[in-house]
Amino acid sequence: MRLKTFAAQTLTQAMADVRREMGAEAVIIATSDGPNGGVQVRAASEMAYRPDPVEPVLERTQRLADAAEIARGDLEDEHLDQVIRALGFHRTPGVAAQSLIKAAQDFADGHAVGRLAHAIEARYAFQPLPAIPEHAVLFAGTPGVGKTSALAKTAARSIAAGSVPTLISCDGERAGADARLQALAQKMGASFIAVDDPRELADAMREFDGPALIDSPAVNPFELDDLDMTLAFADSSEAEIVYVFDAGLTPEDAEDAASLFASIGASRCIPVKLDCARRLGAVLGVGETGLAFAQISSTPFIGGGLAPATPLRLARALIETRAHPYEESD
């Protein structure tokens, strides 16, 4: 089954988008207000997903330039050229790429990184988590993505800022999950609690003061029961849901999954494993859902690598990724 969330200004327009992309047999699962106005429609289809064919870097670059109404043959701005090539290399979603290229073109001064940062700032939301969270934060994500590490890195930042958070594990069914978070808490001098269900979590939250960082059960966002479980844990603790995702996903899969987490109230996201991902189109795909970038994780080490997300950091990651083979046809 394929699931996807569609956003449009009207329900009629959203339904037309569903039928056009997923066919007449698509089933509407849920409708809601859009984060930026309009409506969102979540739909499911049994049709097989057929990804777009892999497009050579230079052909994709040419197409993006053409879509942005820039004549590549007449392009003398080497910095804008670098932006276009980077977005093509990372397989940035088409509409986003066109918008970013136009914004970078309008911002005529500066080098490629600065111009792309300006374009990113105009299109995406950035809302870093404070060093000492003002409310409970629940880290959600798929199995093995690294949400426990992201939580531990957040805890280390809080301790460095003078606060001792309570780390809460709700992931008792996964082998070793409780033990790992407990070991991390002991090394950092933080408190640790393990709970089995939302009711236990609600009871535990009444037993202490101060910041709470919650490791939720790993879920498959395309299984609605899994999403409901994540929402139940968030509701019982009055926690903000932060979506942790692998930067190496395909942009389409990343955007679909992020839309589903956004549908249960996630407001921020943390891309992880940027050091392992060669192409980062998934990061921009997630940004298209309206989730705000909180932090960026580029190392597996708990003591560092979780930096506040900023347009400049993201632009550098896109432009300066290990020697883009722009001239390859991959």
C-alpha atoms as a PDB file:
ATOM      1  CA  MET A   1       0.000   0.000   0.000  1.00  0.00           C
ATOM      2  CA  ARG A   2       1.134   3.515  -0.786  1.00  0.00           C
ATOM      3  CA  LEU A   3       0.106   6.439   1.431  1.00  0.00           C
ATOM      4  CA  LYS A   4       0.551  10.116   0.708  1.00  0.00           C
ATOM      5  CA  THR A   5      -0.674  13.425   2.075  1.00  0.00           C
ATOM      6  CA  PHE A   6      -1.839  16.088  -0.381  1.00  0.00           C
ATOM      7  CA  ALA A   7      -2.072  19.795   0.452  1.00  0.00           C
ATOM      8  CA  ALA A   8      -4.172  22.300  -1.481  1.00  0.00           C
ATOM      9  CA  GLN A   9      -6.167  25.466  -0.981  1.00  0.00           C
ATOM     10  CA  THR A  10      -9.508  23.689  -1.362  1.00  0.00           C
ATOM     11  CA  LEU A  11     -10.798  20.184  -0.780  1.00  0.00           C
ATOM     12  CA  THR A  12     -11.859  19.929  -4.410  1.00  0.00           C
ATOM     13  CA  GLN A  13      -8.366  20.729  -5.598  1.00  0.00           C
ATOM     14  CA  ALA A  14      -6.820  18.256  -3.152  1.00  0.00           C
ATOM     15  CA  MET A  15      -9.184  15.499  -4.273  1.00  0.00           C
ATOM     16  CA  ALA A  16      -8.318  16.195  -7.909  1.00  0.00           C
ATOM     17  CA  ASP A  17      -4.613  15.871  -7.041  1.00  0.00           C
ATOM     18  CA  VAL A  18      -5.302  12.550  -5.326  1.00  0.00           C
ATOM     19  CA  ARG A  19      -7.160  11.132  -8.333  1.00  0.00           C
ATOM     20  CA  ARG A  20      -4.567  12.393 -10.801  1.00  0.00           C
ATOM     21  CA  GLU A  21      -1.568  10.935  -8.947  1.00  0.00           C
ATOM     22  CA  MET A  22      -2.994   7.851  -7.229  1.00  0.00           C
ATOM     23  CA  GLY A  23      -5.867   6.910  -9.520  1.00  0.00           C
ATOM     24  CA  ALA A  24      -9.606   6.514  -9.146  1.00  0.00           C
ATOM     25  CA  GLU A  25      -9.224   3.609  -6.711  1.00  0.00           C
ATOM     26  CA  ALA A  26      -7.457   5.726  -4.071  1.00  0.00           C
ATOM     27  CA  VAL A  27      -9.100   5.736  -0.646  1.00  0.00           C
ATOM     28  CA  ILE A  28      -9.334   8.933   1.425  1.00  0.00           C
ATOM     29  CA  ILE A  29      -8.167   8.128   4.971  1.00  0.00           C
ATOM     30  CA  ALA A  30      -8.350  11.529   6.644  1.00  0.00           C
ATOM     31  CA  THR A  31      -8.768  15.231   5.982  1.00  0.00           C
ATOM     32  CA  SER A  32      -7.516  18.129   8.092  1.00  0.00           C
ATOM     33  CA  ASP A  33      -6.645  21.803   7.984  1.00  0.00           C
ATOM     34  CA  GLY A  34      -3.284  22.531   6.348  1.00  0.00           C
ATOM     35  CA  PRO A  35      -0.414  23.958   8.463  1.00  0.00           C
ATOM     36  CA  ASN A  36      -0.280  27.063   6.266  1.00  0.00           C
ATOM     37  CA  GLY A  37      -3.971  27.333   5.464  1.00  0.00           C
ATOM     38  CA  GLY A  38      -6.029  25.301   3.041  1.00  0.00           C
ATOM     39  CA  VAL A  39      -6.591  21.585   3.595  1.00  0.00           C
ATOM     40  CA  GLN A  40      -4.651  18.335   3.770  1.00  0.00           C
ATOM     41  CA  VAL A  41      -5.958  14.997   2.509  1.00  0.00           C
ATOM     42  CA  ARG A  42      -4.328  11.690   3.414  1.00  0.00           C
ATOM     43  CA  ALA A  43      -4.969   8.999   0.807  1.00  0.00           C
ATOM     44  CA  ALA A  44      -4.018   5.350   0.298  1.00  0.00           C
ATOM     45  CA  SER A  45      -3.717   3.262  -2.827  1.00  0.00           C
ATOM     46  CA  GLU A  46      -2.863  -0.350  -3.549  1.00  0.00           C
ATOM     47  CA  MET A  47      -1.121   0.664  -6.764  1.00  0.00           C
ATOM     48  CA  ALA A  48       2.553  -0.157  -6.961  1.00  0.00           C
ATOM     49  CA  TYR A  49       4.841   2.786  -6.462  1.00  0.00           C
ATOM     50  CA  ARG A  50       6.918   3.517  -9.556  1.00  0.00           C
ATOM     51  CA  PRO A  51       9.769   5.913  -8.844  1.00  0.00           C
ATOM     52  CA  ASP A  52      10.851   8.348 -11.469  1.00  0.00           C
ATOM     53  CA  PRO A  53      13.697   6.995 -13.606  1.00  0.00           C
ATOM     54  CA  VAL A  54      17.154   8.059 -12.504  1.00  0.00           C
ATOM     55  CA  GLU A  55      18.100  11.184 -14.394  1.00  0.00           C
ATOM     56  CA  PRO A  56      21.747  12.054 -15.139  1.00  0.00           C
ATOM     57  CA  VAL A  57      23.057  14.987 -13.128  1.00  0.00           C
ATOM     58  CA  LEU A  58      23.696  17.281 -16.092  1.00  0.00           C
ATOM     59  CA  GLU A  59      20.317  16.581 -17.694  1.00  0.00           C
ATOM     60  CA  ARG A  60      18.594  17.216 -14.380  1.00  0.00           C
ATOM     61  CA  THR A  61      20.590  20.424 -13.935  1.00  0.00           C
ATOM     62  CA  GLN A  62      19.556  21.596 -17.396  1.00  0.00           C
ATOM     63  CA  ARG A  63      15.920  20.823 -16.675  1.00  0.00           C
ATOM     64  CA  LEU A  64      15.977  22.740 -13.385  1.00  0.00           C
ATOM     65  CA  ALA A  65      17.575  25.744 -15.049  1.00  0.00           C
ATOM     66  CA  ASP A  66      15.007  25.658 -17.842  1.00  0.00           C
ATOM     67  CA  ALA A  67      12.153  25.382 -15.330  1.00  0.00           C
ATOM     68  CA  ALA A  68      13.532  28.424 -13.530  1.00  0.00           C
ATOM     69  CA  GLU A  69      13.658  30.260 -16.877  1.00  0.00           C
ATOM     70  CA  ILE A  70      17.440  30.479 -16.852  1.00  0.00           C
ATOM     71  CA  ALA A  71      19.294  29.813 -20.087  1.00  0.00           C
ATOM     72  CA  ARG A  72      22.189  27.572 -19.112  1.00  0.00           C
ATOM     73  CA  GLY A  73      24.081  28.449 -22.235  1.00  0.00           C
ATOM     74  CA  ASP A  74      23.997  32.157 -21.333  1.00  0.00           C
ATOM     75  CA  LEU A  75      24.584  31.640 -17.639  1.00  0.00           C
ATOM     76  CA  GLU A  76      27.655  33.606 -16.621  1.00  0.00           C
ATOM     77  CA  ASP A  77      26.996  33.621 -12.891  1.00  0.00           C
ATOM     78  CA  GLU A  78      29.240  30.835 -11.626  1.00  0.00           C
ATOM     79  CA  HIS A  79      27.754  30.996  -8.120  1.00  0.00           C
ATOM     80  CA  LEU A  80      24.192  30.549  -9.349  1.00  0.00           C
ATOM     81  CA  ASP A  81      25.465  27.785 -11.608  1.00  0.00           C
ATOM     82  CA  GLN A  82      26.895  26.060  -8.536  1.00  0.00           C
ATOM     83  CA  VAL A  83      23.545  26.321  -6.749  1.00  0.00           C
ATOM     84  CA  ILE A  84      21.712  24.792  -9.709  1.00  0.00           C
ATOM     85  CA  ARG A  85      24.197  21.946 -10.000  1.00  0.00           C
ATOM     86  CA  ALA A  86      24.016  21.188  -6.272  1.00  0.00           C
ATOM     87  CA  LEU A  87      20.224  21.065  -6.251  1.00  0.00           C
ATOM     88  CA  GLY A  88      20.296  18.799  -9.274  1.00  0.00           C
ATOM     89  CA  PHE A  89      22.871  16.497  -7.705  1.00  0.00           C
ATOM     90  CA  HIS A  90      20.836  16.135  -4.511  1.00  0.00           C
ATOM     91  CA  ARG A  91      17.684  15.350  -6.525  1.00  0.00           C
ATOM     92  CA  THR A  92      15.800  18.193  -4.903  1.00  0.00           C
ATOM     93  CA  PRO A  93      12.016  17.940  -5.469  1.00  0.00           C
ATOM     94  CA  GLY A  94      11.143  19.854  -8.638  1.00  0.00           C
ATOM     95  CA  VAL A  95       8.903  22.624  -7.306  1.00  0.00           C
ATOM     96  CA  ALA A  96      11.266  23.283  -4.411  1.00  0.00           C
ATOM     97  CA  ALA A  97      14.301  23.358  -6.700  1.00  0.00           C
ATOM     98  CA  GLN A  98      12.699  25.884  -9.036  1.00  0.00           C
ATOM     99  CA  SER A  99      11.746  28.143  -6.137  1.00  0.00           C
ATOM    100  CA  LEU A 100      15.204  27.959  -4.570  1.00  0.00           C
ATOM    101  CA  ILE A 101      16.935  28.689  -7.881  1.00  0.00           C
ATOM    102  CA  LYS A 102      14.764  31.751  -8.520  1.00  0.00           C
ATOM    103  CA  ALA A 103      15.366  33.059  -5.005  1.00  0.00           C
ATOM    104  CA  ALA A 104      19.116  32.515  -5.345  1.00  0.00           C
ATOM    105  CA  GLN A 105      19.039  34.295  -8.712  1.00  0.00           C
ATOM    106  CA  ASP A 106      17.216  37.290  -7.210  1.00  0.00           C
ATOM    107  CA  PHE A 107      19.807  37.512  -4.441  1.00  0.00           C
ATOM    108  CA  ALA A 108      22.561  38.580  -6.793  1.00  0.00           C
ATOM    109  CA  ASP A 109      25.301  39.323  -4.265  1.00  0.00           C
ATOM    110  CA  GLY A 110      27.416  36.712  -2.550  1.00  0.00           C
ATOM    111  CA  HIS A 111      28.830  33.275  -3.156  1.00  0.00           C
ATOM    112  CA  ALA A 112      26.867  30.082  -3.757  1.00  0.00           C
ATOM    113  CA  VAL A 113      26.505  29.086  -0.100  1.00  0.00           C
ATOM    114  CA  GLY A 114      25.212  32.497   0.966  1.00  0.00           C
ATOM    115  CA  ARG A 115      22.763  32.731  -1.907  1.00  0.00           C
ATOM    116  CA  LEU A 116      21.403  29.245  -1.315  1.00  0.00           C
ATOM    117  CA  ALA A 117      21.102  30.019   2.409  1.00  0.00           C
ATOM    118  CA  HIS A 118      19.059  33.118   1.529  1.00  0.00           C
ATOM    119  CA  ALA A 119      16.780  31.021  -0.695  1.00  0.00           C
ATOM    120  CA  ILE A 120      16.399  28.285   1.944  1.00  0.00           C
ATOM    121  CA  GLU A 121      15.548  30.822   4.642  1.00  0.00           C
ATOM    122  CA  ALA A 122      12.775  32.233   2.457  1.00  0.00           C
ATOM    123  CA  ARG A 123      11.174  28.819   1.852  1.00  0.00           C
ATOM    124  CA  TYR A 124      11.665  26.710   4.987  1.00  0.00           C
ATOM    125  CA  ALA A 125      11.058  27.062   8.718  1.00  0.00           C
ATOM    126  CA  PHE A 126      13.850  26.842  11.300  1.00  0.00           C
ATOM    127  CA  GLN A 127      13.083  26.463  14.983  1.00  0.00           C
ATOM    128  CA  PRO A 128      15.963  24.984  17.016  1.00  0.00           C
ATOM    129  CA  LEU A 129      15.146  23.304  20.304  1.00  0.00           C
ATOM    130  CA  PRO A 130      16.354  25.354  23.269  1.00  0.00           C
ATOM    131  CA  ALA A 131      19.220  23.880  25.274  1.00  0.00           C
ATOM    132  CA  ILE A 132      16.804  23.476  28.182  1.00  0.00           C
ATOM    133  CA  PRO A 133      13.394  22.517  26.712  1.00  0.00           C
ATOM    134  CA  GLU A 134      10.457  24.340  28.248  1.00  0.00           C
ATOM    135  CA  HIS A 135       8.182  21.311  27.902  1.00  0.00           C
ATOM    136  CA  ALA A 136       8.422  17.572  27.359  1.00  0.00           C
ATOM    137  CA  VAL A 137       9.868  16.507  24.010  1.00  0.00           C
ATOM    138  CA  LEU A 138       9.021  13.167  22.408  1.00  0.00           C
ATOM    139  CA  PHE A 139      11.423  11.844  19.776  1.00  0.00           C
ATOM    140  CA  ALA A 140       9.652   9.807  17.079  1.00  0.00           C
ATOM    141  CA  GLY A 141      10.940   7.928  14.082  1.00  0.00           C
ATOM    142  CA  THR A 142      11.330   4.650  12.262  1.00  0.00           C
ATOM    143  CA  PRO A 143      13.294   1.621  13.551  1.00  0.00           C
ATOM    144  CA  GLY A 144      17.045   2.177  13.709  1.00  0.00           C
ATOM    145  CA  VAL A 145      16.931   5.773  12.504  1.00  0.00           C
ATOM    146  CA  GLY A 146      18.841   7.163  15.501  1.00  0.00           C
ATOM    147  CA  LYS A 147      16.173   8.834  17.626  1.00  0.00           C
ATOM    148  CA  THR A 148      17.724   7.491  20.858  1.00  0.00           C
ATOM    149  CA  SER A 149      21.053   9.065  19.907  1.00  0.00           C
ATOM    150  CA  ALA A 150      19.315  12.341  19.018  1.00  0.00           C
ATOM    151  CA  LEU A 151      17.609  12.285  22.416  1.00  0.00           C
ATOM    152  CA  ALA A 152      20.903  11.608  24.212  1.00  0.00           C
ATOM    153  CA  LYS A 153      22.614  14.447  22.344  1.00  0.00           C
ATOM    154  CA  THR A 154      19.770  16.765  23.349  1.00  0.00           C
ATOM    155  CA  ALA A 155      20.190  15.632  26.952  1.00  0.00           C
ATOM    156  CA  ALA A 156      23.925  16.347  26.801  1.00  0.00           C
ATOM    157  CA  ARG A 157      23.166  19.902  25.625  1.00  0.00           C
ATOM    158  CA  SER A 158      20.746  20.390  28.535  1.00  0.00           C
ATOM    159  CA  ILE A 159      23.299  19.157  31.069  1.00  0.00           C
ATOM    160  CA  ALA A 160      25.961  21.442  29.611  1.00  0.00           C
ATOM    161  CA  ALA A 161      23.484  24.317  30.047  1.00  0.00           C
ATOM    162  CA  GLY A 162      23.025  23.486  33.734  1.00  0.00           C
ATOM    163  CA  SER A 163      19.845  21.395  33.728  1.00  0.00           C
ATOM    164  CA  VAL A 164      19.450  17.675  34.464  1.00  0.00           C
ATOM    165  CA  PRO A 165      16.700  16.187  32.281  1.00  0.00           C
ATOM    166  CA  THR A 166      14.756  13.003  32.890  1.00  0.00           C
ATOM    167  CA  LEU A 167      15.124  10.449  30.111  1.00  0.00           C
ATOM    168  CA  ILE A 168      12.057   8.278  29.591  1.00  0.00           C
ATOM    169  CA  SER A 169      11.980   5.099  27.515  1.00  0.00           C
ATOM    170  CA  CYS A 170       8.679   3.915  26.045  1.00  0.00           C
ATOM    171  CA  ASP A 171      10.383   1.433  23.746  1.00  0.00           C
ATOM    172  CA  GLY A 172      10.440  -1.643  25.965  1.00  0.00           C
ATOM    173  CA  GLU A 173       9.432  -4.049  23.196  1.00  0.00           C
ATOM    174  CA  ARG A 174      12.613  -3.474  21.189  1.00  0.00           C
ATOM    175  CA  ALA A 175      15.469  -5.605  22.514  1.00  0.00           C
ATOM    176  CA  GLY A 176      17.950  -3.569  24.522  1.00  0.00           C
ATOM    177  CA  ALA A 177      16.231  -0.211  23.986  1.00  0.00           C
ATOM    178  CA  ASP A 178      15.561   0.443  27.685  1.00  0.00           C
ATOM    179  CA  ALA A 179      19.023  -0.736  28.704  1.00  0.00           C
ATOM    180  CA  ARG A 180      20.774   1.468  26.173  1.00  0.00           C
ATOM    181  CA  LEU A 181      18.967   4.639  27.210  1.00  0.00           C
ATOM    182  CA  GLN A 182      19.474   3.792  30.886  1.00  0.00           C
ATOM    183  CA  ALA A 183      23.218   3.342  30.308  1.00  0.00           C
ATOM    184  CA  LEU A 184      23.402   6.678  28.512  1.00  0.00           C
ATOM    185  CA  ALA A 185      21.506   8.365  31.351  1.00  0.00           C
ATOM    186  CA  GLN A 186      23.899   6.934  33.925  1.00  0.00           C
ATOM    187  CA  LYS A 187      26.954   8.138  32.009  1.00  0.00           C
ATOM    188  CA  MET A 188      25.523  11.660  31.812  1.00  0.00           C
ATOM    189  CA  GLY A 189      24.191  11.744  35.362  1.00  0.00           C
ATOM    190  CA  ALA A 190      20.592  12.100  34.190  1.00  0.00           C
ATOM    191  CA  SER A 191      17.486  10.486  35.668  1.00  0.00           C
ATOM    192  CA  PHE A 192      15.920   7.511  33.871  1.00  0.00           C
ATOM    193  CA  ILE A 193      12.403   6.056  33.803  1.00  0.00           C
ATOM    194  CA  ALA A 194      10.997   3.179  31.735  1.00  0.00           C
ATOM    195  CA  VAL A 195       7.265   2.905  31.011  1.00  0.00           C
ATOM    196  CA  ASP A 196       5.194   0.430  29.032  1.00  0.00           C
ATOM    197  CA  ASP A 197       2.137   2.391  27.946  1.00  0.00           C
ATOM    198  CA  PRO A 198       0.696   5.937  27.797  1.00  0.00           C
ATOM    199  CA  ARG A 199      -1.052   5.594  31.163  1.00  0.00           C
ATOM    200  CA  GLU A 200       2.241   4.743  32.894  1.00  0.00           C
ATOM    201  CA  LEU A 201       3.862   7.667  31.124  1.00  0.00           C
ATOM    202  CA  ALA A 202       1.180  10.056  32.379  1.00  0.00           C
ATOM    203  CA  ASP A 203       1.714   8.794  35.944  1.00  0.00           C
ATOM    204  CA  ALA A 204       5.494   9.110  35.645  1.00  0.00           C
ATOM    205  CA  MET A 205       5.265  12.705  34.425  1.00  0.00           C
ATOM    206  CA  ARG A 206       3.591  13.701  37.688  1.00  0.00           C
ATOM    207  CA  GLU A 207       6.487  12.407  39.759  1.00  0.00           C
ATOM    208  CA  PHE A 208       9.181  14.914  38.805  1.00  0.00           C
ATOM    209  CA  ASP A 209       9.863  18.479  37.718  1.00  0.00           C
ATOM    210  CA  GLY A 210      12.182  19.696  35.009  1.00  0.00           C
ATOM    211  CA  PRO A 211      12.684  18.805  31.352  1.00  0.00           C
ATOM    212  CA  ALA A 212      11.590  15.373  30.105  1.00  0.00           C
ATOM    213  CA  LEU A 213      12.996  13.770  26.960  1.00  0.00           C
ATOM    214  CA  ILE A 214      10.931  10.810  25.778  1.00  0.00           C
ATOM    215  CA  ASP A 215      12.134   7.974  23.534  1.00  0.00           C
ATOM    216  CA  SER A 216       8.961   6.720  21.850  1.00  0.00           C
ATOM    217  CA  PRO A 217       8.549   3.272  20.286  1.00  0.00           C
ATOM    218  CA  ALA A 218       9.933   3.011  16.769  1.00  0.00           C
ATOM    219  CA  VAL A 219       7.080   3.031  14.252  1.00  0.00           C
ATOM    220  CA  ASN A 220       6.202   2.494  10.629  1.00  0.00           C
ATOM    221  CA  PRO A 221       4.471   5.767   9.690  1.00  0.00           C
ATOM    222  CA  PHE A 222       2.554   4.008   6.917  1.00  0.00           C
ATOM    223  CA  GLU A 223       0.786   1.879   9.554  1.00  0.00           C
ATOM    224  CA  LEU A 224      -1.918   4.070  11.055  1.00  0.00           C
ATOM    225  CA  ASP A 225      -2.014   2.065  14.307  1.00  0.00           C
ATOM    226  CA  ASP A 226       1.664   2.884  14.834  1.00  0.00           C
ATOM    227  CA  LEU A 227       1.001   6.581  14.380  1.00  0.00           C
ATOM    228  CA  ASP A 228      -1.916   6.402  16.798  1.00  0.00           C
ATOM    229  CA  MET A 229       0.400   4.843  19.400  1.00  0.00           C
ATOM    230  CA  THR A 230       2.917   7.667  18.995  1.00  0.00           C
ATOM    231  CA  LEU A 231       0.147  10.231  19.372  1.00  0.00           C
ATOM    232  CA  ALA A 232      -1.152   8.490  22.512  1.00  0.00           C
ATOM    233  CA  PHE A 233       2.264   8.725  24.192  1.00  0.00           C
ATOM    234  CA  ALA A 234       2.568  12.401  23.188  1.00  0.00           C
ATOM    235  CA  ASP A 235      -0.909  13.254  24.472  1.00  0.00           C
ATOM    236  CA  SER A 236      -0.406  11.482  27.798  1.00  0.00           C
ATOM    237  CA  SER A 237       2.771  13.477  28.480  1.00  0.00           C
ATOM    238  CA  GLU A 238       1.703  16.745  26.821  1.00  0.00           C
ATOM    239  CA  ALA A 239       4.908  16.454  24.803  1.00  0.00           C
ATOM    240  CA  GLU A 240       5.927  18.026  21.540  1.00  0.00           C
ATOM    241  CA  ILE A 241       6.597  15.436  18.817  1.00  0.00           C
ATOM    242  CA  VAL A 242       9.949  15.866  17.075  1.00  0.00           C
ATOM    243  CA  TYR A 243      10.399  13.710  13.972  1.00  0.00           C
ATOM    244  CA  VAL A 244      13.872  12.187  13.579  1.00  0.00           C
ATOM    245  CA  PHE A 245      14.650  10.995  10.048  1.00  0.00           C
ATOM    246  CA  ASP A 246      17.499   9.606   7.968  1.00  0.00           C
ATOM    247  CA  ALA A 247      18.887  12.223   5.577  1.00  0.00           C
ATOM    248  CA  GLY A 248      19.716   9.463   3.102  1.00  0.00           C
ATOM    249  CA  LEU A 249      16.113   8.528   2.287  1.00  0.00           C
ATOM    250  CA  THR A 250      14.682   9.173  -1.142  1.00  0.00           C
ATOM    251  CA  PRO A 251      12.998  12.608  -1.236  1.00  0.00           C
ATOM    252  CA  GLU A 252       9.613  11.038  -2.040  1.00  0.00           C
ATOM    253  CA  ASP A 253       9.682   8.564   0.857  1.00  0.00           C
ATOM    254  CA  ALA A 254      10.958  11.224   3.239  1.00  0.00           C
ATOM    255  CA  GLU A 255       8.214  13.693   2.304  1.00  0.00           C
ATOM    256  CA  ASP A 256       5.460  11.058   2.551  1.00  0.00           C
ATOM    257  CA  ALA A 257       6.595   9.897   5.994  1.00  0.00           C
ATOM    258  CA  ALA A 258       7.060  13.452   7.282  1.00  0.00           C
ATOM    259  CA  SER A 259       3.549  14.354   6.138  1.00  0.00           C
ATOM    260  CA  LEU A 260       2.163  11.489   8.201  1.00  0.00           C
ATOM    261  CA  PHE A 261       4.074  12.525  11.319  1.00  0.00           C
ATOM    262  CA  ALA A 262       2.906  16.111  10.747  1.00  0.00           C
ATOM    263  CA  SER A 263      -0.670  14.824  10.604  1.00  0.00           C
ATOM    264  CA  ILE A 264      -0.407  13.669  14.256  1.00  0.00           C
ATOM    265  CA  GLY A 265       1.029  16.979  15.424  1.00  0.00           C
ATOM    266  CA  ALA A 266       4.781  16.849  14.852  1.00  0.00           C
ATOM    267  CA  SER A 267       6.035  20.401  14.466  1.00  0.00           C
ATOM    268  CA  ARG A 268       9.811  20.044  14.214  1.00  0.00           C
ATOM    269  CA  CYS A 269      12.249  17.600  12.694  1.00  0.00           C
ATOM    270  CA  ILE A 270      15.869  16.534  13.079  1.00  0.00           C
ATOM    271  CA  PRO A 271      17.708  15.124  10.052  1.00  0.00           C
ATOM    272  CA  VAL A 272      20.379  12.644  11.154  1.00  0.00           C
ATOM    273  CA  LYS A 273      23.209  10.715   9.475  1.00  0.00           C
ATOM    274  CA  LEU A 274      24.175  13.612   7.227  1.00  0.00           C
ATOM    275  CA  ASP A 275      27.725  12.261   7.406  1.00  0.00           C
ATOM    276  CA  CYS A 276      26.574   8.998   5.768  1.00  0.00           C
ATOM    277  CA  ALA A 277      24.231  10.426   3.125  1.00  0.00           C
ATOM    278  CA  ARG A 278      25.602  11.317  -0.302  1.00  0.00           C
ATOM    279  CA  ARG A 279      22.458  13.063  -1.533  1.00  0.00           C
ATOM    280  CA  LEU A 280      20.341  15.230   0.751  1.00  0.00           C
ATOM    281  CA  GLY A 281      17.185  15.792  -1.262  1.00  0.00           C
ATOM    282  CA  ALA A 282      15.271  14.062   1.539  1.00  0.00           C
ATOM    283  CA  VAL A 283      16.034  16.946   3.885  1.00  0.00           C
ATOM    284  CA  LEU A 284      14.433  19.460   1.542  1.00  0.00           C
ATOM    285  CA  GLY A 285      11.569  17.042   0.866  1.00  0.00           C
ATOM    286  CA  VAL A 286      10.751  16.947   4.576  1.00  0.00           C
ATOM    287  CA  GLY A 287      10.952  20.737   4.699  1.00  0.00           C
ATOM    288  CA  GLU A 288       8.225  20.862   2.058  1.00  0.00           C
ATOM    289  CA  THR A 289       5.757  19.426   4.595  1.00  0.00           C
ATOM    290  CA  GLY A 290       5.986  22.503   6.821  1.00  0.00           C
ATOM    291  CA  LEU A 291       7.962  20.844   9.627  1.00  0.00           C
ATOM    292  CA  ALA A 292      10.522  23.242  11.086  1.00  0.00           C
ATOM    293  CA  PHE A 293      14.138  22.147  11.188  1.00  0.00           C
ATOM    294  CA  ALA A 294      15.265  21.940  14.809  1.00  0.00           C
ATOM    295  CA  GLN A 295      18.767  20.471  14.905  1.00  0.00           C
ATOM    296  CA  ILE A 296      21.098  18.776  12.433  1.00  0.00           C
ATOM    297  CA  SER A 297      23.044  15.666  13.385  1.00  0.00           C
ATOM    298  CA  SER A 298      26.163  14.815  11.411  1.00  0.00           C
ATOM    299  CA  THR A 299      28.040  12.420  13.701  1.00  0.00           C
ATOM    300  CA  PRO A 300      27.157   9.310  15.748  1.00  0.00           C
ATOM    301  CA  PHE A 301      29.034  10.580  18.796  1.00  0.00           C
ATOM    302  CA  ILE A 302      26.822  11.622  21.715  1.00  0.00           C
ATOM    303  CA  GLY A 303      29.113  14.433  22.840  1.00  0.00           C
ATOM    304  CA  GLY A 304      28.726  16.487  19.686  1.00  0.00           C
ATOM    305  CA  GLY A 305      27.269  16.761  16.251  1.00  0.00           C
ATOM    306  CA  LEU A 306      23.803  18.038  17.175  1.00  0.00           C
ATOM    307  CA  ALA A 307      23.928  21.645  16.048  1.00  0.00           C
ATOM    308  CA  PRO A 308      21.011  24.081  15.835  1.00  0.00           C
ATOM    309  CA  ALA A 309      19.588  24.005  12.324  1.00  0.00           C
ATOM    310  CA  THR A 310      20.117  27.200  10.357  1.00  0.00           C
ATOM    311  CA  PRO A 311      19.743  28.087   6.665  1.00  0.00           C
ATOM    312  CA  LEU A 312      23.515  28.562   6.445  1.00  0.00           C
ATOM    313  CA  ARG A 313      24.300  25.117   7.893  1.00  0.00           C
ATOM    314  CA  LEU A 314      21.869  23.460   5.520  1.00  0.00           C
ATOM    315  CA  ALA A 315      23.206  25.394   2.527  1.00  0.00           C
ATOM    316  CA  ARG A 316      26.758  24.379   3.399  1.00  0.00           C
ATOM    317  CA  ALA A 317      25.707  20.734   3.640  1.00  0.00           C
ATOM    318  CA  LEU A 318      24.171  20.931   0.159  1.00  0.00           C
ATOM    319  CA  ILE A 319      26.957  22.881  -1.517  1.00  0.00           C
ATOM    320  CA  GLU A 320      29.977  21.446   0.242  1.00  0.00           C
ATOM    321  CA  THR A 321      29.005  17.766   0.366  1.00  0.00           C
ATOM    322  CA  ARG A 322      32.076  15.658  -0.328  1.00  0.00           C
ATOM    323  CA  ALA A 323      33.176  16.666  -3.845  1.00  0.00           C
ATOM    324  CA  HIS A 324      29.935  16.457  -5.822  1.00  0.00           C
ATOM    325  CA  PRO A 325      30.623  14.483  -9.012  1.00  0.00           C
ATOM    326  CA  TYR A 326      28.612  17.037 -11.008  1.00  0.00           C
ATOM    327  CA  GLU A 327      30.041  15.956 -14.297  1.00  0.00           C
ATOM    328  CA  GLU A 328      29.124  12.303 -13.823  1.00  0.00           C
ATOM    329  CA  SER A 329      26.013  10.966 -15.463  1.00  0.00           C
ATOM    330  CA  ASP A 330      25.406   8.506 -12.575  1.00  0.00           C
END
